[in-house]
N, C-alpha and C. Protein backbone atom coordinates (compact mmCIF):
# COMPACT_ATOMS: atom_id res chain seq x y z
N MET A 1 -1.91 4.00 -15.51
CA MET A 1 -0.80 2.51 -15.17
C MET A 1 -1.63 1.69 -14.18
N LEU A 2 -2.88 1.38 -14.12
CA LEU A 2 -3.61 0.32 -13.67
C LEU A 2 -3.12 -0.90 -14.10
N SER A 3 -2.17 -1.67 -13.31
CA SER A 3 -1.80 -2.90 -13.96
C SER A 3 -3.33 -3.83 -13.67
N SER A 4 -3.12 -4.81 -14.47
CA SER A 4 -3.99 -6.02 -14.35
C SER A 4 -3.90 -6.76 -12.90
N ARG A 5 -2.76 -6.39 -12.46
CA ARG A 5 -3.16 -7.24 -11.14
C ARG A 5 -3.69 -6.30 -10.31
N PHE A 6 -4.22 -4.97 -10.37
CA PHE A 6 -4.53 -4.25 -9.17
C PHE A 6 -5.90 -4.16 -9.57
N GLU A 7 -6.84 -3.45 -8.61
CA GLU A 7 -7.92 -3.19 -8.33
C GLU A 7 -8.53 -2.48 -7.51
N TYR A 8 -9.57 -1.53 -7.58
CA TYR A 8 -9.59 -0.59 -6.68
C TYR A 8 -11.10 0.34 -7.12
N ASP A 9 -11.59 1.06 -5.70
CA ASP A 9 -12.86 1.96 -5.98
C ASP A 9 -12.37 3.24 -6.14
N PRO A 10 -12.47 3.55 -7.63
CA PRO A 10 -12.15 4.71 -8.10
C PRO A 10 -12.53 5.81 -6.98
N SER A 11 -13.49 6.17 -6.56
CA SER A 11 -14.03 7.07 -5.63
C SER A 11 -12.92 6.79 -4.09
N LYS A 12 -12.80 5.69 -3.67
CA LYS A 12 -12.03 5.40 -2.52
C LYS A 12 -10.39 6.04 -3.08
N SER A 13 -10.02 5.89 -4.50
CA SER A 13 -9.02 6.35 -4.29
C SER A 13 -8.68 8.12 -4.65
N ARG A 14 -9.67 8.66 -5.10
CA ARG A 14 -9.68 9.83 -5.09
C ARG A 14 -9.70 10.47 -3.74
N SER A 15 -10.79 9.81 -2.59
CA SER A 15 -10.80 10.45 -0.83
C SER A 15 -9.27 9.93 -0.78
N ASN A 16 -8.53 8.98 -1.12
CA ASN A 16 -7.24 8.80 -0.32
C ASN A 16 -6.20 9.76 -0.66
N LEU A 17 -6.52 10.09 -2.40
CA LEU A 17 -5.64 11.25 -2.96
C LEU A 17 -5.49 12.65 -2.00
N GLU A 18 -7.13 12.86 -1.58
CA GLU A 18 -7.81 13.84 -0.70
C GLU A 18 -6.64 13.88 0.49
N LYS A 19 -6.97 12.89 1.00
CA LYS A 19 -6.68 12.66 2.43
C LYS A 19 -5.17 12.65 2.90
N HIS A 20 -4.37 11.69 1.87
CA HIS A 20 -3.13 11.38 2.30
C HIS A 20 -2.20 11.60 1.13
N GLY A 21 -2.41 12.23 -0.09
CA GLY A 21 -1.66 12.60 -1.07
C GLY A 21 -1.02 11.85 -1.90
N ILE A 22 -1.79 10.71 -1.70
CA ILE A 22 -1.38 9.54 -2.99
C ILE A 22 -2.57 8.83 -3.37
N ASP A 23 -2.97 8.49 -4.48
CA ASP A 23 -4.19 7.66 -4.80
C ASP A 23 -3.54 6.44 -5.56
N PHE A 24 -4.67 5.73 -5.34
CA PHE A 24 -4.04 4.35 -5.43
C PHE A 24 -3.53 4.17 -6.73
N ASN A 25 -3.55 4.67 -8.05
CA ASN A 25 -2.88 4.57 -9.27
C ASN A 25 -1.40 4.79 -8.75
N GLN A 26 -1.09 5.31 -8.49
CA GLN A 26 0.43 5.87 -7.96
C GLN A 26 0.55 5.07 -6.97
N ALA A 27 -0.15 4.58 -6.02
CA ALA A 27 0.40 3.49 -5.03
C ALA A 27 1.03 2.42 -5.95
N GLN A 28 0.47 1.97 -6.67
CA GLN A 28 0.92 0.85 -7.32
C GLN A 28 2.41 0.66 -7.62
N LEU A 29 2.87 1.54 -7.36
CA LEU A 29 4.39 1.79 -7.53
C LEU A 29 5.24 1.38 -6.12
N ILE A 30 4.64 1.17 -5.30
CA ILE A 30 5.17 0.39 -3.93
C ILE A 30 5.60 -0.98 -4.08
N TRP A 31 4.76 -1.60 -5.00
CA TRP A 31 4.82 -3.04 -5.07
C TRP A 31 6.56 -3.10 -6.05
N GLN A 32 6.78 -1.61 -6.77
CA GLN A 32 7.75 -2.08 -7.44
C GLN A 32 9.28 -1.90 -6.81
N ASP A 33 9.38 -1.63 -5.23
CA ASP A 33 10.15 -1.04 -4.30
C ASP A 33 10.49 -2.83 -4.28
N PRO A 34 11.99 -3.02 -4.37
CA PRO A 34 12.43 -4.61 -4.38
C PRO A 34 12.77 -4.66 -2.69
N ARG A 35 12.75 -3.76 -1.73
CA ARG A 35 12.83 -3.73 -0.44
C ARG A 35 11.82 -3.58 0.34
N ARG A 36 10.40 -3.73 -0.37
CA ARG A 36 9.37 -3.42 0.77
C ARG A 36 9.25 -4.41 1.49
N LEU A 37 8.36 -4.18 2.34
CA LEU A 37 7.86 -5.19 3.73
C LEU A 37 6.65 -5.54 3.34
N ARG A 38 6.39 -6.74 3.71
CA ARG A 38 4.94 -7.19 3.78
C ARG A 38 4.48 -7.74 5.11
N PHE A 39 3.48 -7.14 5.79
CA PHE A 39 2.83 -7.86 7.08
C PHE A 39 1.66 -8.39 6.79
N LYS A 40 1.00 -9.75 7.81
CA LYS A 40 -0.33 -9.86 7.71
C LYS A 40 -1.12 -9.00 8.56
N GLY A 41 -2.03 -8.35 8.29
CA GLY A 41 -2.83 -7.71 8.79
C GLY A 41 -4.29 -8.47 9.78
N ASN A 42 -4.73 -7.39 10.47
CA ASN A 42 -5.52 -7.95 11.33
C ASN A 42 -7.05 -7.53 10.90
N SER A 43 -7.55 -8.76 10.58
CA SER A 43 -9.22 -8.19 10.13
C SER A 43 -10.18 -9.87 10.42
N PHE A 44 -11.64 -9.61 10.71
CA PHE A 44 -12.16 -10.84 10.78
C PHE A 44 -13.14 -11.07 9.46
N LYS A 45 -13.37 -9.81 8.80
CA LYS A 45 -14.12 -10.36 7.61
C LYS A 45 -13.57 -10.84 6.55
N GLU A 46 -12.05 -10.20 6.14
CA GLU A 46 -11.36 -10.71 5.14
C GLU A 46 -9.74 -10.77 5.32
N GLN A 47 -8.92 -11.77 4.83
CA GLN A 47 -7.43 -11.68 5.09
C GLN A 47 -6.88 -10.11 4.69
N ARG A 48 -6.52 -9.59 5.04
CA ARG A 48 -5.53 -8.26 4.70
C ARG A 48 -4.09 -8.35 5.18
N PHE A 49 -3.48 -7.59 4.28
CA PHE A 49 -2.07 -7.23 4.41
C PHE A 49 -1.56 -5.74 4.57
N ALA A 50 -0.39 -5.45 4.98
CA ALA A 50 -0.26 -4.26 4.82
C ALA A 50 1.41 -4.31 4.26
N LEU A 51 1.56 -3.46 3.36
CA LEU A 51 2.95 -3.25 2.52
C LEU A 51 3.60 -2.23 3.14
N VAL A 52 4.85 -1.69 3.49
CA VAL A 52 5.59 -0.72 3.88
C VAL A 52 6.07 -0.73 2.39
N GLY A 53 6.49 0.44 1.78
CA GLY A 53 7.60 0.94 1.02
C GLY A 53 7.71 1.75 0.40
N SER A 54 8.54 2.35 -0.61
CA SER A 54 9.33 3.34 -1.08
C SER A 54 8.03 3.51 -2.15
N ALA A 55 8.05 5.00 -2.82
CA ALA A 55 7.61 5.43 -4.20
C ALA A 55 7.20 6.63 -3.74
N LEU A 56 7.29 7.33 -4.92
CA LEU A 56 7.24 9.09 -4.73
C LEU A 56 7.81 9.70 -4.13
N GLY A 57 9.78 8.84 -3.41
CA GLY A 57 10.14 9.72 -2.69
C GLY A 57 10.03 9.51 -0.91
N LYS A 58 8.82 8.88 -0.78
CA LYS A 58 8.76 8.91 0.06
C LYS A 58 8.45 7.41 1.03
N ILE A 59 8.02 7.06 2.01
CA ILE A 59 7.69 5.22 2.68
C ILE A 59 6.06 5.68 3.14
N TRP A 60 5.75 4.68 2.30
CA TRP A 60 4.35 4.73 2.60
C TRP A 60 3.80 3.17 2.98
N TYR A 61 2.27 3.30 3.78
CA TYR A 61 1.99 2.14 4.73
C TYR A 61 0.81 1.70 3.60
N ALA A 62 0.88 0.73 3.08
CA ALA A 62 -0.47 0.24 2.26
C ALA A 62 -1.40 -1.14 2.78
N VAL A 63 -2.60 -0.94 2.79
CA VAL A 63 -3.32 -1.87 3.10
C VAL A 63 -3.94 -2.23 1.90
N TYR A 64 -4.07 -3.95 2.04
CA TYR A 64 -4.77 -4.25 0.68
C TYR A 64 -5.44 -5.66 0.97
N THR A 65 -5.97 -6.17 0.21
CA THR A 65 -6.51 -7.76 0.13
C THR A 65 -6.31 -8.28 -1.33
N VAL A 66 -6.31 -9.50 -1.09
CA VAL A 66 -6.37 -10.19 -2.67
C VAL A 66 -7.64 -10.91 -2.71
N ARG A 67 -8.46 -10.41 -3.95
CA ARG A 67 -10.26 -10.91 -4.24
C ARG A 67 -9.64 -11.40 -5.75
N ARG A 68 -10.06 -12.73 -6.08
CA ARG A 68 -10.01 -13.21 -7.38
C ARG A 68 -8.41 -13.16 -8.25
N TYR A 69 -7.55 -13.36 -7.46
CA TYR A 69 -6.27 -13.27 -7.74
C TYR A 69 -5.88 -11.65 -8.05
N LYS A 70 -6.44 -10.49 -7.44
CA LYS A 70 -6.25 -9.26 -7.81
C LYS A 70 -5.73 -8.52 -6.51
N ILE A 71 -4.89 -7.56 -6.27
CA ILE A 71 -4.51 -7.06 -5.42
C ILE A 71 -5.81 -6.21 -5.32
N ARG A 72 -6.03 -5.96 -4.08
CA ARG A 72 -7.49 -4.81 -4.24
C ARG A 72 -6.97 -3.85 -3.10
N LEU A 73 -6.50 -2.34 -3.39
CA LEU A 73 -6.25 -1.78 -2.66
C LEU A 73 -7.68 -1.02 -1.62
N ILE A 74 -7.18 -1.28 -0.44
CA ILE A 74 -8.07 -0.49 0.55
C ILE A 74 -7.55 1.01 0.82
N SER A 75 -6.21 1.06 1.30
CA SER A 75 -5.68 2.14 2.10
C SER A 75 -4.77 2.89 1.46
N VAL A 76 -3.86 3.59 1.53
CA VAL A 76 -2.70 4.10 1.40
C VAL A 76 -2.13 5.44 2.28
N ARG A 77 -0.95 5.32 2.94
CA ARG A 77 -1.09 6.57 4.15
C ARG A 77 0.62 6.36 4.22
N ARG A 78 1.42 7.82 4.73
CA ARG A 78 2.57 8.24 5.26
C ARG A 78 2.93 6.85 6.08
N ALA A 79 3.83 6.25 5.87
CA ALA A 79 4.06 5.06 7.34
C ALA A 79 4.47 6.15 8.00
N ARG A 80 4.00 5.45 9.30
CA ARG A 80 4.22 6.17 10.82
C ARG A 80 5.95 6.13 10.90
N SER A 81 6.60 6.57 11.81
CA SER A 81 7.97 6.55 11.93
C SER A 81 8.27 5.26 12.96
N SER A 82 7.67 4.21 13.53
CA SER A 82 8.16 3.08 13.64
C SER A 82 7.95 2.20 12.60
N GLU A 83 7.20 2.16 11.19
CA GLU A 83 7.41 2.04 10.09
C GLU A 83 8.27 2.36 9.22
N VAL A 84 8.61 3.53 9.00
CA VAL A 84 9.79 3.85 8.41
C VAL A 84 11.36 2.91 8.94
N MET A 85 11.13 2.98 10.44
CA MET A 85 12.31 2.82 10.97
C MET A 85 12.20 0.73 10.55
N ALA A 86 11.51 0.24 10.75
CA ALA A 86 11.45 -1.09 10.53
C ALA A 86 11.94 -1.19 8.85
N TYR A 87 11.62 -0.59 7.99
CA TYR A 87 11.54 -0.45 6.93
C TYR A 87 13.25 -0.07 6.64
N GLU A 88 13.60 0.71 7.42
CA GLU A 88 15.11 1.03 6.92
C GLU A 88 16.26 0.28 7.52
N LYS A 89 15.54 -0.33 8.51
CA LYS A 89 16.47 -1.54 9.07
C LYS A 89 16.68 -2.62 8.44
N GLU A 90 15.41 -3.07 7.45
CA GLU A 90 15.12 -4.00 6.70
C GLU A 90 16.50 -3.63 5.36
N VAL A 91 16.51 -2.82 5.28
CA VAL A 91 17.21 -1.84 3.75
C VAL A 91 18.78 -1.91 4.18
N GLU A 92 19.46 -2.12 5.52
CA GLU A 92 20.54 -1.89 5.84
C GLU A 92 21.26 -3.35 5.37
């Protein structure tokens, strides 16, 4: 399912699956959520962003950057309660 819009380190994707229950291939579904929320992240080395959205029946928090016009996935985890509340508030 890897779209040409996305790139990631395959070993990091496997590690993310083991730790958080979602790999980066599955995480691309978050970008299909029309209600997703985007936040600018804090990083000194490169500009990062966070996305909160629904995929696979759960709400996720994804961290990514943009490199050479591609979305580079860094990590994905289940959204925390405050992030879920922000997402649900926007959906209402």
